[in-house]
PDB file of N, CA and C in Angstrom:
ATOM      1  N   MET A   1      92.179  82.064  84.244  1.00  0.00           N
ATOM      2  CA  MET A   1      93.253  81.102  84.207  1.00  0.00           C
ATOM      3  C   MET A   1      94.567  81.766  84.633  1.00  0.00           C
ATOM      4  N   GLN A   2      94.891  82.894  84.004  1.00  0.00           N
ATOM      5  CA  GLN A   2      96.118  83.613  84.349  1.00  0.00           C
ATOM      6  C   GLN A   2      96.073  84.101  85.795  1.00  0.00           C
ATOM      7  N   HIS A   3      94.881  84.525  86.232  1.00  0.00           N
ATOM      8  CA  HIS A   3      94.714  85.030  87.595  1.00  0.00           C
ATOM      9  C   HIS A   3      95.050  83.941  88.614  1.00  0.00           C
ATOM     10  N   LYS A   4      94.505  82.746  88.422  1.00  0.00           N
ATOM     11  CA  LYS A   4      94.753  81.651  89.363  1.00  0.00           C
ATOM     12  C   LYS A   4      96.220  81.238  89.358  1.00  0.00           C
ATOM     13  N   LYS A   5      96.837  81.254  88.189  1.00  0.00           N
ATOM     14  CA  LYS A   5      98.246  80.899  88.059  1.00  0.00           C
ATOM     15  C   LYS A   5      99.129  81.909  88.802  1.00  0.00           C
ATOM     16  N   LEU A   6      98.830  83.197  88.621  1.00  0.00           N
ATOM     17  CA  LEU A   6      99.603  84.248  89.281  1.00  0.00           C
ATOM     18  C   LEU A   6      99.379  84.206  90.795  1.00  0.00           C
ATOM     19  N   GLN A   7      98.151  83.945  91.232  1.00  0.00           N
ATOM     20  CA  GLN A   7      97.869  83.834  92.661  1.00  0.00           C
ATOM     21  C   GLN A   7      98.659  82.687  93.292  1.00  0.00           C
ATOM     22  N   ALA A   8      98.705  81.551  92.607  1.00  0.00           N
ATOM     23  CA  ALA A   8      99.451  80.400  93.123  1.00  0.00           C
ATOM     24  C   ALA A   8     100.939  80.728  93.236  1.00  0.00           C
ATOM     25  N   GLU A   9     101.463  81.450  92.264  1.00  0.00           N
ATOM     26  CA  GLU A   9     102.877  81.844  92.293  1.00  0.00           C
ATOM     27  C   GLU A   9     103.156  82.799  93.453  1.00  0.00           C
ATOM     28  N   ILE A  10     102.271  83.761  93.679  1.00  0.00           N
ATOM     29  CA  ILE A  10     102.435  84.720  94.774  1.00  0.00           C
ATOM     30  C   ILE A  10     102.386  83.995  96.115  1.00  0.00           C
ATOM     31  N   ILE A  11     101.446  83.084  96.266  1.00  0.00           N
ATOM     32  CA  ILE A  11     101.294  82.347  97.527  1.00  0.00           C
ATOM     33  C   ILE A  11     102.506  81.456  97.795  1.00  0.00           C
ATOM     34  N   SER A  12     103.061  80.848  96.739  1.00  0.00           N
ATOM     35  CA  SER A  12     104.220  79.965  96.939  1.00  0.00           C
ATOM     36  C   SER A  12     105.468  80.735  97.376  1.00  0.00           C
ATOM     37  N   LYS A  13     105.575  82.009  97.004  1.00  0.00           N
ATOM     38  CA  LYS A  13     106.735  82.822  97.371  1.00  0.00           C
ATOM     39  C   LYS A  13     106.541  83.583  98.678  1.00  0.00           C
ATOM     40  N   LYS A  14     105.322  83.584  99.193  1.00  0.00           N
ATOM     41  CA  LYS A  14     104.974  84.385 100.354  1.00  0.00           C
ATOM     42  C   LYS A  14     105.563  83.788 101.628  1.00  0.00           C
ATOM     43  N   ILE A  15     106.106  84.647 102.470  1.00  0.00           N
ATOM     44  CA  ILE A  15     106.569  84.243 103.789  1.00  0.00           C
ATOM     45  C   ILE A  15     105.450  84.602 104.764  1.00  0.00           C
ATOM     46  N   ARG A  16     104.882  83.589 105.392  1.00  0.00           N
ATOM     47  CA  ARG A  16     103.711  83.787 106.252  1.00  0.00           C
ATOM     48  C   ARG A  16     104.104  84.248 107.645  1.00  0.00           C
ATOM     49  N   ILE A  17     103.428  85.304 108.090  1.00  0.00           N
ATOM     50  CA  ILE A  17     103.514  85.741 109.477  1.00  0.00           C
ATOM     51  C   ILE A  17     102.207  85.354 110.171  1.00  0.00           C
ATOM     52  N   ASN A  18     101.106  85.602 109.489  1.00  0.00           N
ATOM     53  CA  ASN A  18      99.782  85.227 109.998  1.00  0.00           C
ATOM     54  C   ASN A  18      99.386  83.877 109.433  1.00  0.00           C
ATOM     55  N   GLN A  19      98.411  83.246 110.078  1.00  0.00           N
ATOM     56  CA  GLN A  19      97.902  81.982 109.567  1.00  0.00           C
ATOM     57  C   GLN A  19      97.178  82.203 108.246  1.00  0.00           C
ATOM     58  N   LYS A  20      97.096  81.132 107.461  1.00  0.00           N
ATOM     59  CA  LYS A  20      96.392  81.190 106.193  1.00  0.00           C
ATOM     60  C   LYS A  20      94.940  81.589 106.458  1.00  0.00           C
ATOM     61  N   GLY A  21      94.450  82.540 105.669  1.00  0.00           N
ATOM     62  CA  GLY A  21      93.084  83.022 105.858  1.00  0.00           C
ATOM     63  C   GLY A  21      93.020  84.257 106.730  1.00  0.00           C
ATOM     64  N   GLY A  22      94.131  84.609 107.369  1.00  0.00           N
ATOM     65  CA  GLY A  22      94.170  85.803 108.196  1.00  0.00           C
ATOM     66  C   GLY A  22      94.363  87.044 107.342  1.00  0.00           C
ATOM     67  N   GLY A  23      94.209  88.192 107.935  1.00  0.00           N
ATOM     68  CA  GLY A  23      94.382  89.438 107.201  1.00  0.00           C
ATOM     69  C   GLY A  23      93.081  89.913 106.587  1.00  0.00           C
ATOM     70  N   GLY A  24      93.157  91.036 105.907  1.00  0.00           N
ATOM     71  CA  GLY A  24      91.960  91.639 105.324  1.00  0.00           C
ATOM     72  C   GLY A  24      91.490  90.917 104.074  1.00  0.00           C
ATOM     73  N   LYS A  25      90.209  90.893 103.907  1.00  0.00           N
ATOM     74  CA  LYS A  25      89.616  90.300 102.708  1.00  0.00           C
ATOM     75  C   LYS A  25      89.541  91.361 101.612  1.00  0.00           C
ATOM     76  N   PRO A  26      89.615  90.968 100.361  1.00  0.00           N
ATOM     77  CA  PRO A  26      89.504  91.939  99.271  1.00  0.00           C
ATOM     78  C   PRO A  26      88.159  92.663  99.324  1.00  0.00           C
ATOM     79  N   LYS A  27      88.185  93.975  99.100  1.00  0.00           N
ATOM     80  CA  LYS A  27      86.956  94.762  99.139  1.00  0.00           C
ATOM     81  C   LYS A  27      86.198  94.712  97.823  1.00  0.00           C
ATOM     82  N   LEU A  28      86.895  94.362  96.750  1.00  0.00           N
ATOM     83  CA  LEU A  28      86.267  94.295  95.434  1.00  0.00           C
ATOM     84  C   LEU A  28      86.278  92.860  94.921  1.00  0.00           C
ATOM     85  N   GLU A  29      85.223  92.497  94.215  1.00  0.00           N
ATOM     86  CA  GLU A  29      85.193  91.194  93.560  1.00  0.00           C
ATOM     87  C   GLU A  29      86.123  91.230  92.351  1.00  0.00           C
ATOM     88  N   ILE A  30      86.421  90.068  91.799  1.00  0.00           N
ATOM     89  CA  ILE A  30      87.343  89.981  90.668  1.00  0.00           C
ATOM     90  C   ILE A  30      86.846  90.807  89.484  1.00  0.00           C
ATOM     91  N   LYS A  31      85.559  90.710  89.178  1.00  0.00           N
ATOM     92  CA  LYS A  31      85.029  91.467  88.034  1.00  0.00           C
ATOM     93  C   LYS A  31      85.136  92.974  88.272  1.00  0.00           C
ATOM     94  N   GLU A  32      85.016  93.428  89.528  1.00  0.00           N
ATOM     95  CA  GLU A  32      85.172  94.848  89.834  1.00  0.00           C
ATOM     96  C   GLU A  32      86.633  95.267  89.710  1.00  0.00           C
ATOM     97  N   GLN A  33      87.550  94.376  90.066  1.00  0.00           N
ATOM     98  CA  GLN A  33      88.977  94.678  89.941  1.00  0.00           C
ATOM     99  C   GLN A  33      89.368  94.835  88.473  1.00  0.00           C
ATOM    100  N   VAL A  34      88.873  93.942  87.626  1.00  0.00           N
ATOM    101  CA  VAL A  34      89.165  94.029  86.190  1.00  0.00           C
ATOM    102  C   VAL A  34      88.548  95.310  85.624  1.00  0.00           C
ATOM    103  N   CYS A  35      87.335  95.617  86.046  1.00  0.00           N
ATOM    104  CA  CYS A  35      86.656  96.836  85.605  1.00  0.00           C
ATOM    105  C   CYS A  35      87.462  98.075  86.008  1.00  0.00           C
ATOM    106  N   LEU A  36      87.988  98.078  87.222  1.00  0.00           N
ATOM    107  CA  LEU A  36      88.821  99.181  87.694  1.00  0.00           C
ATOM    108  C   LEU A  36      90.026  99.372  86.778  1.00  0.00           C
ATOM    109  N   CYS A  37      90.689  98.285  86.439  1.00  0.00           N
ATOM    110  CA  CYS A  37      91.872  98.356  85.585  1.00  0.00           C
ATOM    111  C   CYS A  37      91.522  98.868  84.195  1.00  0.00           C
ATOM    112  N   LEU A  38      90.470  98.331  83.605  1.00  0.00           N
ATOM    113  CA  LEU A  38      90.071  98.754  82.259  1.00  0.00           C
ATOM    114  C   LEU A  38      89.583 100.201  82.247  1.00  0.00           C
ATOM    115  N   PHE A  39      88.848 100.599  83.272  1.00  0.00           N
ATOM    116  CA  PHE A  39      88.377 101.979  83.389  1.00  0.00           C
ATOM    117  C   PHE A  39      89.566 102.932  83.492  1.00  0.00           C
ATOM    118  N   SER A  40      90.560 102.535  84.273  1.00  0.00           N
ATOM    119  CA  SER A  40      91.753 103.359  84.436  1.00  0.00           C
ATOM    120  C   SER A  40      92.508 103.512  83.119  1.00  0.00           C
ATOM    121  N   LEU A  41      92.618 102.428  82.362  1.00  0.00           N
ATOM    122  CA  LEU A  41      93.306 102.493  81.072  1.00  0.00           C
ATOM    123  C   LEU A  41      92.558 103.379  80.081  1.00  0.00           C
ATOM    124  N   ARG A  42      91.235 103.371  80.153  1.00  0.00           N
ATOM    125  CA  ARG A  42      90.419 104.131  79.202  1.00  0.00           C
ATOM    126  C   ARG A  42      90.376 105.613  79.532  1.00  0.00           C
ATOM    127  N   LYS A  43      90.136 105.958  80.801  1.00  0.00           N
ATOM    128  CA  LYS A  43      89.912 107.351  81.196  1.00  0.00           C
ATOM    129  C   LYS A  43      91.125 108.036  81.816  1.00  0.00           C
ATOM    130  N   MET A  44      92.104 107.268  82.275  1.00  0.00           N
ATOM    131  CA  MET A  44      93.339 107.781  82.874  1.00  0.00           C
ATOM    132  C   MET A  44      93.117 108.709  84.082  1.00  0.00           C
ATOM    133  N   PRO A  45      92.217 108.340  85.018  1.00  0.00           N
ATOM    134  CA  PRO A  45      92.064 109.167  86.225  1.00  0.00           C
ATOM    135  C   PRO A  45      93.202 108.876  87.201  1.00  0.00           C
ATOM    136  N   THR A  46      93.339 109.711  88.210  1.00  0.00           N
ATOM    137  CA  THR A  46      94.342 109.447  89.239  1.00  0.00           C
ATOM    138  C   THR A  46      93.867 108.276  90.095  1.00  0.00           C
ATOM    139  N   PHE A  47      94.796 107.671  90.821  1.00  0.00           N
ATOM    140  CA  PHE A  47      94.436 106.565  91.700  1.00  0.00           C
ATOM    141  C   PHE A  47      93.500 107.053  92.811  1.00  0.00           C
ATOM    142  N   GLU A  48      93.660 108.293  93.220  1.00  0.00           N
ATOM    143  CA  GLU A  48      92.800 108.844  94.260  1.00  0.00           C
ATOM    144  C   GLU A  48      91.349 108.938  93.777  1.00  0.00           C
ATOM    145  N   VAL A  49      91.153 109.391  92.540  1.00  0.00           N
ATOM    146  CA  VAL A  49      89.804 109.484  91.962  1.00  0.00           C
ATOM    147  C   VAL A  49      89.209 108.088  91.798  1.00  0.00           C
ATOM    148  N   LEU A  50      90.011 107.139  91.330  1.00  0.00           N
ATOM    149  CA  LEU A  50      89.528 105.759  91.209  1.00  0.00           C
ATOM    150  C   LEU A  50      89.135 105.191  92.570  1.00  0.00           C
ATOM    151  N   GLY A  51      89.919 105.498  93.586  1.00  0.00           N
ATOM    152  CA  GLY A  51      89.603 105.034  94.935  1.00  0.00           C
ATOM    153  C   GLY A  51      88.268 105.573  95.425  1.00  0.00           C
ATOM    154  N   LEU A  52      88.012 106.836  95.146  1.00  0.00           N
ATOM    155  CA  LEU A  52      86.725 107.424  95.525  1.00  0.00           C
ATOM    156  C   LEU A  52      85.580 106.769  94.759  1.00  0.00           C
ATOM    157  N   HIS A  53      85.807 106.507  93.497  1.00  0.00           N
ATOM    158  CA  HIS A  53      84.777 105.912  92.648  1.00  0.00           C
ATOM    159  C   HIS A  53      84.447 104.473  93.074  1.00  0.00           C
ATOM    160  N   PHE A  54      85.467 103.698  93.420  1.00  0.00           N
ATOM    161  CA  PHE A  54      85.272 102.298  93.769  1.00  0.00           C
ATOM    162  C   PHE A  54      85.181 102.050  95.276  1.00  0.00           C
ATOM    163  N   GLY A  55      85.381 103.082  96.081  1.00  0.00           N
ATOM    164  CA  GLY A  55      85.241 102.949  97.527  1.00  0.00           C
ATOM    165  C   GLY A  55      86.390 102.253  98.220  1.00  0.00           C
ATOM    166  N   ILE A  56      87.609 102.406  97.678  1.00  0.00           N
ATOM    167  CA  ILE A  56      88.793 101.808  98.298  1.00  0.00           C
ATOM    168  C   ILE A  56      89.901 102.860  98.347  1.00  0.00           C
ATOM    169  N   SER A  57      90.991 102.547  99.044  1.00  0.00           N
ATOM    170  CA  SER A  57      92.093 103.499  99.172  1.00  0.00           C
ATOM    171  C   SER A  57      92.895 103.582  97.870  1.00  0.00           C
ATOM    172  N   LYS A  58      93.612 104.689  97.717  1.00  0.00           N
ATOM    173  CA  LYS A  58      94.409 104.834  96.493  1.00  0.00           C
ATOM    174  C   LYS A  58      95.548 103.821  96.436  1.00  0.00           C
ATOM    175  N   THR A  59      96.042 103.377  97.587  1.00  0.00           N
ATOM    176  CA  THR A  59      97.077 102.348  97.617  1.00  0.00           C
ATOM    177  C   THR A  59      96.521 101.019  97.106  1.00  0.00           C
ATOM    178  N   GLU A  60      95.305 100.689  97.543  1.00  0.00           N
ATOM    179  CA  GLU A  60      94.683  99.448  97.078  1.00  0.00           C
ATOM    180  C   GLU A  60      94.363  99.532  95.586  1.00  0.00           C
ATOM    181  N   VAL A  61      93.979 100.728  95.117  1.00  0.00           N
ATOM    182  CA  VAL A  61      93.735 100.927  93.684  1.00  0.00           C
ATOM    183  C   VAL A  61      95.016 100.677  92.898  1.00  0.00           C
ATOM    184  N   LYS A  62      96.120 101.240  93.372  1.00  0.00           N
ATOM    185  CA  LYS A  62      97.402 101.077  92.681  1.00  0.00           C
ATOM    186  C   LYS A  62      97.812  99.614  92.625  1.00  0.00           C
ATOM    187  N   ASP A  63      97.691  98.921  93.746  1.00  0.00           N
ATOM    188  CA  ASP A  63      98.053  97.502  93.785  1.00  0.00           C
ATOM    189  C   ASP A  63      97.159  96.668  92.860  1.00  0.00           C
ATOM    190  N   THR A  64      95.860  96.944  92.886  1.00  0.00           N
ATOM    191  CA  THR A  64      94.910  96.222  92.037  1.00  0.00           C
ATOM    192  C   THR A  64      95.184  96.498  90.569  1.00  0.00           C
ATOM    193  N   PHE A  65      95.399  97.759  90.238  1.00  0.00           N
ATOM    194  CA  PHE A  65      95.671  98.146  88.855  1.00  0.00           C
ATOM    195  C   PHE A  65      96.922  97.461  88.329  1.00  0.00           C
ATOM    196  N   ASN A  66      98.004  97.516  89.087  1.00  0.00           N
ATOM    197  CA  ASN A  66      99.259  96.909  88.635  1.00  0.00           C
ATOM    198  C   ASN A  66      99.159  95.395  88.519  1.00  0.00           C
ATOM    199  N   TYR A  67      98.422  94.763  89.424  1.00  0.00           N
ATOM    200  CA  TYR A  67      98.231  93.307  89.375  1.00  0.00           C
ATOM    201  C   TYR A  67      97.500  92.915  88.096  1.00  0.00           C
ATOM    202  N   TRP A  68      96.365  93.564  87.821  1.00  0.00           N
ATOM    203  CA  TRP A  68      95.566  93.195  86.648  1.00  0.00           C
ATOM    204  C   TRP A  68      96.194  93.671  85.349  1.00  0.00           C
ATOM    205  N   LEU A  69      96.971  94.740  85.382  1.00  0.00           N
ATOM    206  CA  LEU A  69      97.657  95.196  84.176  1.00  0.00           C
ATOM    207  C   LEU A  69      98.634  94.140  83.685  1.00  0.00           C
ATOM    208  N   GLU A  70      99.318  93.485  84.612  1.00  0.00           N
ATOM    209  CA  GLU A  70     100.247  92.417  84.237  1.00  0.00           C
ATOM    210  C   GLU A  70      99.503  91.257  83.572  1.00  0.00           C
ATOM    211  N   ILE A  71      98.377  90.865  84.146  1.00  0.00           N
ATOM    212  CA  ILE A  71      97.593  89.763  83.589  1.00  0.00           C
ATOM    213  C   ILE A  71      97.016  90.149  82.232  1.00  0.00           C
ATOM    214  N   LEU A  72      96.413  91.324  82.138  1.00  0.00           N
ATOM    215  CA  LEU A  72      95.820  91.770  80.875  1.00  0.00           C
ATOM    216  C   LEU A  72      96.887  91.965  79.805  1.00  0.00           C
ATOM    217  N   GLY A  73      98.083  92.372  80.218  1.00  0.00           N
ATOM    218  CA  GLY A  73      99.176  92.517  79.269  1.00  0.00           C
ATOM    219  C   GLY A  73      99.583  91.194  78.636  1.00  0.00           C
ATOM    220  N   ASN A  74      99.420  90.102  79.373  1.00  0.00           N
ATOM    221  CA  ASN A  74      99.739  88.781  78.843  1.00  0.00           C
ATOM    222  C   ASN A  74      98.614  88.204  77.998  1.00  0.00           C
ATOM    223  N   VAL A  75      97.382  88.640  78.264  1.00  0.00           N
ATOM    224  CA  VAL A  75      96.219  88.054  77.606  1.00  0.00           C
ATOM    225  C   VAL A  75      95.788  88.843  76.368  1.00  0.00           C
ATOM    226  N   LEU A  76      95.802  90.162  76.473  1.00  0.00           N
ATOM    227  CA  LEU A  76      95.299  91.012  75.394  1.00  0.00           C
ATOM    228  C   LEU A  76      96.418  91.453  74.457  1.00  0.00           C
ATOM    229  N   PRO A  77      96.089  91.760  73.214  1.00  0.00           N
ATOM    230  CA  PRO A  77      97.090  92.322  72.296  1.00  0.00           C
ATOM    231  C   PRO A  77      97.563  93.689  72.796  1.00  0.00           C
ATOM    232  N   ALA A  78      98.787  94.024  72.492  1.00  0.00           N
ATOM    233  CA  ALA A  78      99.385  95.267  72.981  1.00  0.00           C
ATOM    234  C   ALA A  78      98.618  96.500  72.504  1.00  0.00           C
ATOM    235  N   ASN A  79      98.078  96.461  71.300  1.00  0.00           N
ATOM    236  CA  ASN A  79      97.392  97.656  70.794  1.00  0.00           C
ATOM    237  C   ASN A  79      96.119  97.975  71.579  1.00  0.00           C
ATOM    238  N   LEU A  80      95.542  97.010  72.278  1.00  0.00           N
ATOM    239  CA  LEU A  80      94.370  97.280  73.110  1.00  0.00           C
ATOM    240  C   LEU A  80      94.722  97.950  74.425  1.00  0.00           C
ATOM    241  N   LEU A  81      95.956  97.794  74.869  1.00  0.00           N
ATOM    242  CA  LEU A  81      96.382  98.385  76.144  1.00  0.00           C
ATOM    243  C   LEU A  81      97.009  99.759  75.969  1.00  0.00           C
ATOM    244  N   GLU A  82      97.258 100.163  74.759  1.00  0.00           N
ATOM    245  CA  GLU A  82      97.901 101.473  74.539  1.00  0.00           C
ATOM    246  C   GLU A  82      96.892 102.583  74.488  1.00  0.00           C
TER     247      GLU A  82
END
């Protein structure tokens, strides 16, 4: 629910250069993205190590982690994220 709401907000603020549907497709499914974020919170590896583990670049890991951290921060109690 939070994911769809945040996606709609991002899309409404986006200034399009390419047509809708253009650009790269996500390399990870939603459940893999959430897993990446939770794994990172639990084990605290570097983004480079996470990228190797999940098969994506460290920049994409950072973007994915920060995106899902915001959502999980709104959904989960604070003591679970510390």
